[in-house]
C-alpha atoms as a PDB file:
ATOM      1  CA  MET A   1      -8.688 -24.968 -20.452  1.00  0.00           C
ATOM      2  CA  SER A   2      -8.333 -20.824 -20.678  1.00  0.00           C
ATOM      3  CA  VAL A   3      -8.712 -18.730 -17.916  1.00  0.00           C
ATOM      4  CA  PHE A   4      -8.726 -14.823 -17.178  1.00  0.00           C
ATOM      5  CA  TRP A   5      -8.541 -12.042 -14.720  1.00  0.00           C
ATOM      6  CA  GLY A   6      -9.112  -8.659 -14.677  1.00  0.00           C
ATOM      7  CA  LEU A   7      -8.525  -5.591 -12.075  1.00  0.00           C
ATOM      8  CA  SER A   8      -9.514  -2.150 -12.049  1.00  0.00           C
ATOM      9  CA  ILE A   9      -8.581  -0.047  -9.518  1.00  0.00           C
ATOM     10  CA  SER A  10      -8.687   3.900  -8.287  1.00  0.00           C
ATOM     11  CA  ASN A  11      -4.723   4.360  -7.484  1.00  0.00           C
ATOM     12  CA  ASP A  12      -2.605   2.950 -10.395  1.00  0.00           C
ATOM     13  CA  THR A  13       0.407   2.606  -8.267  1.00  0.00           C
ATOM     14  CA  LEU A  14      -1.031  -0.084  -5.965  1.00  0.00           C
ATOM     15  CA  ALA A  15      -2.027  -2.539  -8.406  1.00  0.00           C
ATOM     16  CA  GLU A  16       0.490  -5.192  -6.853  1.00  0.00           C
ATOM     17  CA  CYS A  17      -1.041  -4.222  -3.510  1.00  0.00           C
ATOM     18  CA  ALA A  18      -4.506  -5.129  -4.574  1.00  0.00           C
ATOM     19  CA  LEU A  19      -3.237  -8.318  -6.374  1.00  0.00           C
ATOM     20  CA  THR A  20      -0.503  -9.788  -3.757  1.00  0.00           C
ATOM     21  CA  PRO A  21      -3.411 -11.218  -1.550  1.00  0.00           C
ATOM     22  CA  TYR A  22      -5.310 -13.122  -4.049  1.00  0.00           C
ATOM     23  CA  ALA A  23      -2.057 -13.984  -6.410  1.00  0.00           C
ATOM     24  CA  ASP A  24      -2.640 -17.745  -5.053  1.00  0.00           C
ATOM     25  CA  GLN A  25      -6.281 -17.911  -5.797  1.00  0.00           C
ATOM     26  CA  ILE A  26      -6.452 -16.669  -9.102  1.00  0.00           C
ATOM     27  CA  GLY A  27      -6.778 -19.391 -11.670  1.00  0.00           C
ATOM     28  CA  LEU A  28      -3.843 -18.773 -13.723  1.00  0.00           C
ATOM     29  CA  ARG A  29      -1.360 -21.708 -12.235  1.00  0.00           C
ATOM     30  CA  THR A  30      -2.227 -24.049 -15.170  1.00  0.00           C
ATOM     31  CA  GLY A  31      -0.073 -26.816 -16.072  1.00  0.00           C
ATOM     32  CA  ASP A  32      -1.434 -26.893 -19.728  1.00  0.00           C
ATOM     33  CA  ALA A  33       0.943 -25.574 -22.704  1.00  0.00           C
ATOM     34  CA  GLY A  34      -0.114 -22.736 -24.491  1.00  0.00           C
ATOM     35  CA  ALA A  35       0.344 -19.015 -24.223  1.00  0.00           C
ATOM     36  CA  TRP A  36      -0.456 -16.076 -22.094  1.00  0.00           C
ATOM     37  CA  GLY A  37      -1.240 -12.534 -22.594  1.00  0.00           C
ATOM     38  CA  LEU A  38      -1.509  -9.250 -20.734  1.00  0.00           C
ATOM     39  CA  GLY A  39      -3.175  -6.067 -21.219  1.00  0.00           C
ATOM     40  CA  TYR A  40      -3.015  -2.758 -19.141  1.00  0.00           C
ATOM     41  CA  TYR A  41      -3.753   1.174 -19.253  1.00  0.00           C
ATOM     42  CA  SER A  42      -0.638   3.150 -18.039  1.00  0.00           C
ATOM     43  CA  ARG A  43      -0.860   6.716 -18.105  1.00  0.00           C
ATOM     44  CA  GLY A  44      -3.270   6.895 -20.902  1.00  0.00           C
ATOM     45  CA  ASP A  45      -1.689   4.143 -22.857  1.00  0.00           C
ATOM     46  CA  LEU A  46      -2.611   0.756 -23.778  1.00  0.00           C
ATOM     47  CA  LEU A  47       0.240  -1.689 -23.289  1.00  0.00           C
ATOM     48  CA  GLN A  48       0.697  -5.443 -24.260  1.00  0.00           C
ATOM     49  CA  ARG A  49       2.527  -8.345 -23.460  1.00  0.00           C
ATOM     50  CA  VAL A  50       2.397 -12.012 -24.827  1.00  0.00           C
ATOM     51  CA  GLU A  51       4.433 -14.820 -23.792  1.00  0.00           C
ATOM     52  CA  PRO A  52       4.580 -18.925 -24.540  1.00  0.00           C
ATOM     53  CA  LYS A  53       3.645 -21.116 -21.814  1.00  0.00           C
ATOM     54  CA  ARG A  54       5.271 -24.304 -21.315  1.00  0.00           C
ATOM     55  CA  HIS A  55       3.769 -27.610 -20.204  1.00  0.00           C
ATOM     56  CA  GLY A  56       3.891 -27.818 -16.289  1.00  0.00           C
ATOM     57  CA  GLU A  57       5.272 -24.126 -16.031  1.00  0.00           C
ATOM     58  CA  PRO A  58       3.257 -22.247 -13.182  1.00  0.00           C
ATOM     59  CA  LEU A  59       2.486 -18.720 -13.674  1.00  0.00           C
ATOM     60  CA  ASP A  60       3.334 -16.361 -10.733  1.00  0.00           C
ATOM     61  CA  ILE A  61       1.179 -13.445 -10.825  1.00  0.00           C
ATOM     62  CA  SER A  62       3.135 -11.199  -8.365  1.00  0.00           C
ATOM     63  CA  ASP A  63       6.309 -11.615 -10.846  1.00  0.00           C
ATOM     64  CA  ILE A  64       4.283 -10.797 -13.926  1.00  0.00           C
ATOM     65  CA  ALA A  65       2.593  -7.747 -12.331  1.00  0.00           C
ATOM     66  CA  HIS A  66       5.697  -6.577 -10.783  1.00  0.00           C
ATOM     67  CA  GLY A  67       6.457  -2.971 -11.360  1.00  0.00           C
ATOM     68  CA  ILE A  68       3.673  -2.326 -13.495  1.00  0.00           C
ATOM     69  CA  ARG A  69       1.898   1.114 -13.068  1.00  0.00           C
ATOM     70  CA  THR A  70      -2.088   0.670 -14.122  1.00  0.00           C
ATOM     71  CA  ASP A  71      -5.408   1.042 -13.253  1.00  0.00           C
ATOM     72  CA  LEU A  72      -6.849  -1.315 -15.325  1.00  0.00           C
ATOM     73  CA  ILE A  73      -5.475  -4.660 -16.288  1.00  0.00           C
ATOM     74  CA  VAL A  74      -6.309  -7.913 -17.955  1.00  0.00           C
ATOM     75  CA  MET A  75      -4.402 -11.045 -18.091  1.00  0.00           C
ATOM     76  CA  HIS A  76      -5.710 -14.500 -19.893  1.00  0.00           C
ATOM     77  CA  SER A  77      -3.974 -17.866 -20.047  1.00  0.00           C
ATOM     78  CA  ARG A  78      -4.963 -19.798 -23.219  1.00  0.00           C
ATOM     79  CA  THR A  79      -4.753 -23.435 -24.437  1.00  0.00           C
ATOM     80  CA  ALA A  80      -5.837 -23.315 -28.012  1.00  0.00           C
ATOM     81  CA  THR A  81      -9.107 -24.857 -28.952  1.00  0.00           C
ATOM     82  CA  VAL A  82     -10.226 -22.618 -32.003  1.00  0.00           C
ATOM     83  CA  GLY A  83      -7.038 -21.147 -33.456  1.00  0.00           C
ATOM     84  CA  ARG A  84      -3.452 -22.109 -33.321  1.00  0.00           C
ATOM     85  CA  VAL A  85      -1.267 -20.857 -30.331  1.00  0.00           C
ATOM     86  CA  ARG A  86       0.579 -17.782 -32.240  1.00  0.00           C
ATOM     87  CA  PRO A  87       0.782 -14.391 -31.109  1.00  0.00           C
ATOM     88  CA  GLU A  88      -2.263 -13.183 -33.130  1.00  0.00           C
ATOM     89  CA  ASN A  89      -4.375 -15.523 -31.332  1.00  0.00           C
ATOM     90  CA  VAL A  90      -3.438 -14.961 -27.599  1.00  0.00           C
ATOM     91  CA  HIS A  91      -5.924 -12.772 -25.475  1.00  0.00           C
ATOM     92  CA  PRO A  92      -6.317  -9.936 -24.649  1.00  0.00           C
ATOM     93  CA  PHE A  93      -7.360  -8.846 -28.085  1.00  0.00           C
ATOM     94  CA  ARG A  94      -6.668  -5.599 -28.896  1.00  0.00           C
ATOM     95  CA  PHE A  95      -8.397  -2.643 -31.383  1.00  0.00           C
ATOM     96  CA  ASN A  96      -7.330   0.995 -30.996  1.00  0.00           C
ATOM     97  CA  ASP A  97      -7.856   1.525 -26.824  1.00  0.00           C
ATOM     98  CA  TRP A  98     -10.293  -1.360 -26.606  1.00  0.00           C
ATOM     99  CA  ILE A  99      -9.037  -4.782 -24.991  1.00  0.00           C
ATOM    100  CA  PHE A 100     -11.297  -8.097 -24.820  1.00  0.00           C
ATOM    101  CA  ALA A 101     -10.919 -11.629 -23.561  1.00  0.00           C
ATOM    102  CA  HIS A 102     -13.005 -14.798 -23.713  1.00  0.00           C
ATOM    103  CA  ASN A 103     -13.172 -18.230 -22.144  1.00  0.00           C
ATOM    104  CA  GLY A 104     -15.161 -20.821 -24.020  1.00  0.00           C
ATOM    105  CA  THR A 105     -15.611 -22.001 -27.301  1.00  0.00           C
ATOM    106  CA  PHE A 106     -18.598 -20.991 -29.969  1.00  0.00           C
ATOM    107  CA  ALA A 107     -20.199 -24.430 -31.222  1.00  0.00           C
ATOM    108  CA  GLY A 108     -20.423 -24.307 -35.068  1.00  0.00           C
ATOM    109  CA  PHE A 109     -18.037 -21.259 -35.571  1.00  0.00           C
ATOM    110  CA  GLU A 110     -16.506 -22.444 -39.022  1.00  0.00           C
ATOM    111  CA  ALA A 111     -20.106 -22.743 -40.460  1.00  0.00           C
ATOM    112  CA  ILE A 112     -20.691 -19.163 -39.510  1.00  0.00           C
ATOM    113  CA  LYS A 113     -17.545 -17.572 -39.777  1.00  0.00           C
ATOM    114  CA  ASP A 114     -18.306 -15.983 -43.143  1.00  0.00           C
ATOM    115  CA  LYS A 115     -21.954 -14.603 -41.566  1.00  0.00           C
ATOM    116  CA  ILE A 116     -20.002 -13.024 -38.721  1.00  0.00           C
ATOM    117  CA  CYS A 117     -17.329 -11.359 -40.994  1.00  0.00           C
ATOM    118  CA  HIS A 118     -20.081 -10.007 -43.382  1.00  0.00           C
ATOM    119  CA  ALA A 119     -21.561  -8.242 -40.421  1.00  0.00           C
ATOM    120  CA  MET A 120     -18.322  -6.075 -39.964  1.00  0.00           C
ATOM    121  CA  PRO A 121     -17.627  -2.846 -41.677  1.00  0.00           C
ATOM    122  CA  PRO A 122     -14.757  -3.242 -43.860  1.00  0.00           C
ATOM    123  CA  PHE A 123     -12.318  -1.169 -41.624  1.00  0.00           C
ATOM    124  CA  ILE A 124     -13.051  -3.351 -38.627  1.00  0.00           C
ATOM    125  CA  LEU A 125     -12.922  -6.807 -40.661  1.00  0.00           C
ATOM    126  CA  ARG A 126      -9.533  -5.607 -42.031  1.00  0.00           C
ATOM    127  CA  ARG A 127      -8.244  -5.379 -38.312  1.00  0.00           C
ATOM    128  CA  LEU A 128      -8.615  -8.990 -37.831  1.00  0.00           C
ATOM    129  CA  MET A 129      -5.269 -10.657 -37.232  1.00  0.00           C
ATOM    130  CA  GLY A 130      -6.118 -14.238 -36.153  1.00  0.00           C
ATOM    131  CA  ASP A 131      -8.400 -16.936 -36.576  1.00  0.00           C
ATOM    132  CA  THR A 132      -9.752 -17.508 -33.281  1.00  0.00           C
ATOM    133  CA  ASP A 133     -13.840 -17.395 -32.342  1.00  0.00           C
ATOM    134  CA  SER A 134     -12.896 -15.002 -29.700  1.00  0.00           C
ATOM    135  CA  GLU A 135     -11.304 -12.381 -31.913  1.00  0.00           C
ATOM    136  CA  HIS A 136     -14.134 -12.806 -34.342  1.00  0.00           C
ATOM    137  CA  ILE A 137     -16.953 -11.986 -31.636  1.00  0.00           C
ATOM    138  CA  PHE A 138     -14.693  -9.261 -30.297  1.00  0.00           C
ATOM    139  CA  HIS A 139     -14.781  -7.421 -33.575  1.00  0.00           C
ATOM    140  CA  LEU A 140     -18.300  -7.916 -34.029  1.00  0.00           C
ATOM    141  CA  PHE A 141     -18.825  -6.367 -30.663  1.00  0.00           C
ATOM    142  CA  LEU A 142     -16.740  -3.268 -32.147  1.00  0.00           C
ATOM    143  CA  SER A 143     -19.286  -3.325 -35.272  1.00  0.00           C
ATOM    144  CA  PHE A 144     -22.162  -2.790 -33.086  1.00  0.00           C
ATOM    145  CA  LEU A 145     -20.236  -0.111 -31.113  1.00  0.00           C
ATOM    146  CA  TYR A 146     -19.906   1.618 -34.423  1.00  0.00           C
ATOM    147  CA  ASP A 147     -23.450   1.318 -35.466  1.00  0.00           C
ATOM    148  CA  MET A 148     -24.253   2.986 -32.260  1.00  0.00           C
ATOM    149  CA  GLY A 149     -22.019   5.873 -33.093  1.00  0.00           C
ATOM    150  CA  LEU A 150     -19.581   5.248 -30.085  1.00  0.00           C
ATOM    151  CA  MET A 151     -16.655   4.097 -32.124  1.00  0.00           C
ATOM    152  CA  GLY A 152     -13.662   6.483 -31.403  1.00  0.00           C
ATOM    153  CA  ARG A 153     -15.251   8.208 -28.368  1.00  0.00           C
ATOM    154  CA  PRO A 154     -13.844   8.170 -24.854  1.00  0.00           C
ATOM    155  CA  ASN A 155     -15.559   6.726 -21.757  1.00  0.00           C
ATOM    156  CA  VAL A 156     -18.372   5.329 -23.842  1.00  0.00           C
ATOM    157  CA  GLY A 157     -20.301   4.200 -20.713  1.00  0.00           C
ATOM    158  CA  ILE A 158     -21.111   0.707 -19.033  1.00  0.00           C
ATOM    159  CA  ALA A 159     -24.538   0.315 -20.352  1.00  0.00           C
ATOM    160  CA  GLN A 160     -23.589   1.045 -23.884  1.00  0.00           C
ATOM    161  CA  ILE A 161     -20.630  -1.524 -23.548  1.00  0.00           C
ATOM    162  CA  ARG A 162     -23.201  -4.178 -22.158  1.00  0.00           C
ATOM    163  CA  ASP A 163     -25.788  -3.473 -25.083  1.00  0.00           C
ATOM    164  CA  ALA A 164     -23.037  -3.960 -27.588  1.00  0.00           C
ATOM    165  CA  LEU A 165     -21.779  -7.334 -26.147  1.00  0.00           C
ATOM    166  CA  HIS A 166     -25.386  -8.327 -25.840  1.00  0.00           C
ATOM    167  CA  ARG A 167     -26.231  -7.347 -29.642  1.00  0.00           C
ATOM    168  CA  ALA A 168     -22.763  -9.425 -30.919  1.00  0.00           C
ATOM    169  CA  LEU A 169     -23.802 -12.524 -28.572  1.00  0.00           C
ATOM    170  CA  ALA A 170     -27.263 -12.224 -30.025  1.00  0.00           C
ATOM    171  CA  THR A 171     -26.528 -12.329 -33.409  1.00  0.00           C
ATOM    172  CA  VAL A 172     -23.935 -15.333 -32.810  1.00  0.00           C
ATOM    173  CA  ASP A 173     -26.829 -17.028 -31.235  1.00  0.00           C
ATOM    174  CA  GLU A 174     -29.115 -16.379 -34.311  1.00  0.00           C
ATOM    175  CA  PHE A 175     -26.234 -17.522 -36.803  1.00  0.00           C
ATOM    176  CA  ALA A 176     -25.298 -20.607 -34.764  1.00  0.00           C
ATOM    177  CA  GLY A 177     -29.341 -21.583 -34.732  1.00  0.00           C
ATOM    178  CA  HIS A 178     -29.211 -21.542 -38.438  1.00  0.00           C
ATOM    179  CA  VAL A 179     -26.751 -24.201 -38.472  1.00  0.00           C
ATOM    180  CA  GLY A 180     -28.632 -26.237 -35.658  1.00  0.00           C
ATOM    181  CA  GLU A 181     -26.314 -25.100 -32.684  1.00  0.00           C
ATOM    182  CA  ALA A 182     -27.671 -23.930 -29.311  1.00  0.00           C
ATOM    183  CA  PRO A 183     -26.204 -20.640 -27.714  1.00  0.00           C
ATOM    184  CA  SER A 184     -22.632 -21.464 -26.313  1.00  0.00           C
ATOM    185  CA  ALA A 185     -21.356 -21.023 -22.745  1.00  0.00           C
ATOM    186  CA  GLY A 186     -18.704 -18.418 -22.174  1.00  0.00           C
ATOM    187  CA  SER A 187     -17.469 -15.793 -19.872  1.00  0.00           C
ATOM    188  CA  PHE A 188     -16.017 -12.326 -21.516  1.00  0.00           C
ATOM    189  CA  ILE A 189     -14.280  -9.298 -20.481  1.00  0.00           C
ATOM    190  CA  VAL A 190     -14.121  -6.029 -21.979  1.00  0.00           C
ATOM    191  CA  SER A 191     -12.548  -2.478 -21.479  1.00  0.00           C
ATOM    192  CA  ASP A 192     -11.988   0.902 -22.994  1.00  0.00           C
ATOM    193  CA  GLY A 193      -9.908   1.970 -20.265  1.00  0.00           C
ATOM    194  CA  TYR A 194     -12.495   3.724 -18.426  1.00  0.00           C
ATOM    195  CA  SER A 195     -14.966   1.052 -17.784  1.00  0.00           C
ATOM    196  CA  LEU A 196     -15.078  -2.612 -17.195  1.00  0.00           C
ATOM    197  CA  VAL A 197     -17.434  -5.037 -18.288  1.00  0.00           C
ATOM    198  CA  VAL A 198     -17.712  -8.693 -17.393  1.00  0.00           C
ATOM    199  CA  LEU A 199     -20.324 -11.296 -18.355  1.00  0.00           C
ATOM    200  CA  SER A 200     -20.779 -14.841 -17.238  1.00  0.00           C
ATOM    201  CA  ARG A 201     -22.797 -16.864 -19.429  1.00  0.00           C
ATOM    202  CA  GLY A 202     -22.433 -20.559 -18.637  1.00  0.00           C
ATOM    203  CA  LEU A 203     -19.104 -20.277 -17.289  1.00  0.00           C
ATOM    204  CA  PRO A 204     -18.359 -18.797 -13.578  1.00  0.00           C
ATOM    205  CA  VAL A 205     -17.033 -15.338 -13.267  1.00  0.00           C
ATOM    206  CA  ASP A 206     -15.807 -14.604  -9.412  1.00  0.00           C
ATOM    207  CA  TYR A 207     -15.278 -11.364  -7.984  1.00  0.00           C
ATOM    208  CA  VAL A 208     -14.237  -9.339  -4.963  1.00  0.00           C
ATOM    209  CA  LEU A 209     -14.674  -5.973  -3.853  1.00  0.00           C
ATOM    210  CA  ILE A 210     -11.904  -4.410  -2.416  1.00  0.00           C
ATOM    211  CA  GLU A 211     -12.593  -1.084  -0.001  1.00  0.00           C
ATOM    212  CA  GLY A 212      -9.064  -0.113   1.153  1.00  0.00           C
ATOM    213  CA  ILE A 213      -6.075  -2.292   2.021  1.00  0.00           C
ATOM    214  CA  ARG A 214      -5.226  -2.703   5.796  1.00  0.00           C
ATOM    215  CA  ASP A 215      -1.894  -3.874   6.686  1.00  0.00           C
ATOM    216  CA  CYS A 216      -0.726  -4.153   2.879  1.00  0.00           C
ATOM    217  CA  SER A 217       1.083  -7.791   2.397  1.00  0.00           C
ATOM    218  CA  HIS A 218       2.911  -6.417  -0.584  1.00  0.00           C
ATOM    219  CA  CYS A 219       4.419  -3.449   1.307  1.00  0.00           C
ATOM    220  CA  ARG A 220       5.713  -5.521   4.220  1.00  0.00           C
ATOM    221  CA  LYS A 221       7.416  -8.066   1.665  1.00  0.00           C
ATOM    222  CA  SER A 222       9.133  -4.792   0.077  1.00  0.00           C
ATOM    223  CA  ILE A 223      10.477  -3.823   3.516  1.00  0.00           C
ATOM    224  CA  ARG A 224      14.527  -3.710   3.275  1.00  0.00           C
ATOM    225  CA  PRO A 225      16.681  -6.600   4.615  1.00  0.00           C
ATOM    226  CA  GLY A 226      17.997  -6.012   7.772  1.00  0.00           C
ATOM    227  CA  GLU A 227      15.315  -4.281   9.263  1.00  0.00           C
ATOM    228  CA  VAL A 228      14.140  -5.427  12.814  1.00  0.00           C
ATOM    229  CA  LYS A 229      10.638  -4.542  12.829  1.00  0.00           C
ATOM    230  CA  GLU A 230       8.299  -4.491   9.844  1.00  0.00           C
ATOM    231  CA  THR A 231       6.412  -1.221   9.621  1.00  0.00           C
ATOM    232  CA  ARG A 232       2.553  -1.583   9.059  1.00  0.00           C
ATOM    233  CA  VAL A 233       1.217   0.357   5.502  1.00  0.00           C
ATOM    234  CA  ASP A 234      -2.440   0.595   4.835  1.00  0.00           C
ATOM    235  CA  HIS A 235      -4.112   2.209   1.787  1.00  0.00           C
ATOM    236  CA  LEU A 236      -7.377   3.111   3.160  1.00  0.00           C
ATOM    237  CA  ASP A 237      -8.692   5.143   0.481  1.00  0.00           C
ATOM    238  CA  VAL A 238      -8.149   2.506  -2.673  1.00  0.00           C
ATOM    239  CA  ARG A 239     -10.798   1.100  -4.333  1.00  0.00           C
ATOM    240  CA  ALA A 240     -10.615  -1.694  -6.701  1.00  0.00           C
ATOM    241  CA  VAL A 241     -12.707  -4.795  -8.368  1.00  0.00           C
ATOM    242  CA  LEU A 242     -11.113  -7.648  -9.023  1.00  0.00           C
ATOM    243  CA  VAL A 243     -12.669 -10.440 -11.216  1.00  0.00           C
ATOM    244  CA  SER A 244     -11.374 -13.971 -12.180  1.00  0.00           C
ATOM    245  CA  SER A 245     -12.920 -16.449 -14.667  1.00  0.00           C
ATOM    246  CA  GLU A 246     -12.209 -20.376 -14.612  1.00  0.00           C
ATOM    247  CA  ALA A 247     -13.913 -23.772 -14.615  1.00  0.00           C
ATOM    248  CA  SER A 248     -14.325 -24.311 -10.990  1.00  0.00           C
ATOM    249  CA  SER A 249     -17.274 -25.740  -8.839  1.00  0.00           C
ATOM    250  CA  ALA A 250     -16.674 -22.928  -6.095  1.00  0.00           C
ATOM    251  CA  PRO A 251     -15.371 -19.514  -6.177  1.00  0.00           C
ATOM    252  CA  PRO A 252     -11.729 -19.095  -4.686  1.00  0.00           C
ATOM    253  CA  THR A 253     -11.400 -17.850  -0.993  1.00  0.00           C
ATOM    254  CA  GLY A 254     -12.623 -14.585  -0.472  1.00  0.00           C
ATOM    255  CA  PHE A 255     -14.428 -14.291  -3.928  1.00  0.00           C
ATOM    256  CA  GLN A 256     -18.016 -14.297  -4.281  1.00  0.00           C
ATOM    257  CA  ARG A 257     -19.718 -15.777  -7.655  1.00  0.00           C
ATOM    258  CA  LEU A 258     -21.426 -13.587  -9.982  1.00  0.00           C
ATOM    259  CA  ASN A 259     -24.737 -14.945 -10.847  1.00  0.00           C
ATOM    260  CA  GLU A 260     -25.199 -17.062 -14.185  1.00  0.00           C
ATOM    261  CA  ASN A 261     -26.184 -14.994 -17.348  1.00  0.00           C
ATOM    262  CA  ALA A 262     -25.282 -11.649 -15.803  1.00  0.00           C
ATOM    263  CA  PHE A 263     -22.891  -8.631 -16.425  1.00  0.00           C
ATOM    264  CA  LEU A 264     -20.842  -6.930 -13.567  1.00  0.00           C
ATOM    265  CA  MET A 265     -19.991  -3.492 -14.744  1.00  0.00           C
ATOM    266  CA  VAL A 266     -17.439  -1.178 -13.198  1.00  0.00           C
ATOM    267  CA  THR A 267     -17.294   2.471 -13.897  1.00  0.00           C
ATOM    268  CA  LYS A 268     -14.139   4.761 -14.001  1.00  0.00           C
ATOM    269  CA  ALA A 269     -15.182   6.022 -10.442  1.00  0.00           C
ATOM    270  CA  HIS A 270     -15.198   2.356  -9.431  1.00  0.00           C
ATOM    271  CA  SER A 271     -19.043   2.258  -8.696  1.00  0.00           C
ATOM    272  CA  VAL A 272     -20.439  -1.484  -9.704  1.00  0.00           C
ATOM    273  CA  GLU A 273     -23.461  -2.322 -11.134  1.00  0.00           C
ATOM    274  CA  PHE A 274     -25.009  -5.806 -12.079  1.00  0.00           C
ATOM    275  CA  SER A 275     -27.630  -6.611 -14.874  1.00  0.00           C
ATOM    276  CA  ALA A 276     -28.993  -9.783 -16.214  1.00  0.00           C
ATOM    277  CA  PHE A 277     -28.429 -10.956 -19.495  1.00  0.00           C
ATOM    278  CA  SER A 278     -31.778 -12.047 -21.333  1.00  0.00           C
END
């Protein structure tokens, strides 16, 4: 089983404060063996971290995110389905300033892999490092961005990201149909460091909109030992969107479930839009 979460926040010093109340609800405490990866933007740079995950080992989100200064972060925990467990196959995948993660498996992938590769410009194809279906779909998405004249541009916009992802998945669906496979279920998250776009297509995505943090539990925990009275700390101006995707029958406490076959899109200004995938 694979799961991911992502956070877009207006203040890059408060990511831990936004995550702490939801650390137990975010579905990354899986006992499966595999690996996990982290991608985050810090002061204009995209940074990554990849770690192996032993069977039965919990993933403490508060520890993993400790000390990270970021306004956009994506984490993915992977159990291998297509592709071996090795660093090149761990999400989120990176291409320049883009990161991408995916839950699900594309049926018939091996039969259509060559067609997917042939649909990519050579310079994008050459950057394929692993052998997962997810990374191939990511590079196909980038190929459509290139076709749209958007590759290399900063802040391309949520509608353009949505359209490129839609075109990539429609292409894969068409290829799959040629080998007798139906469209595959999945959930997707992609960002260029400005916008965050998430898609639920047959696998659930849950989200919470954070408008101010009152009585921050992280800042209470950070009080110096020996202090008698705890000090209440509020972050009333912060705006954030936290998303999580795992195979669960109901959303975690405090989260809402995104409609199936729908996009959730977050702008750099942290306005949120929803759009149907059709």
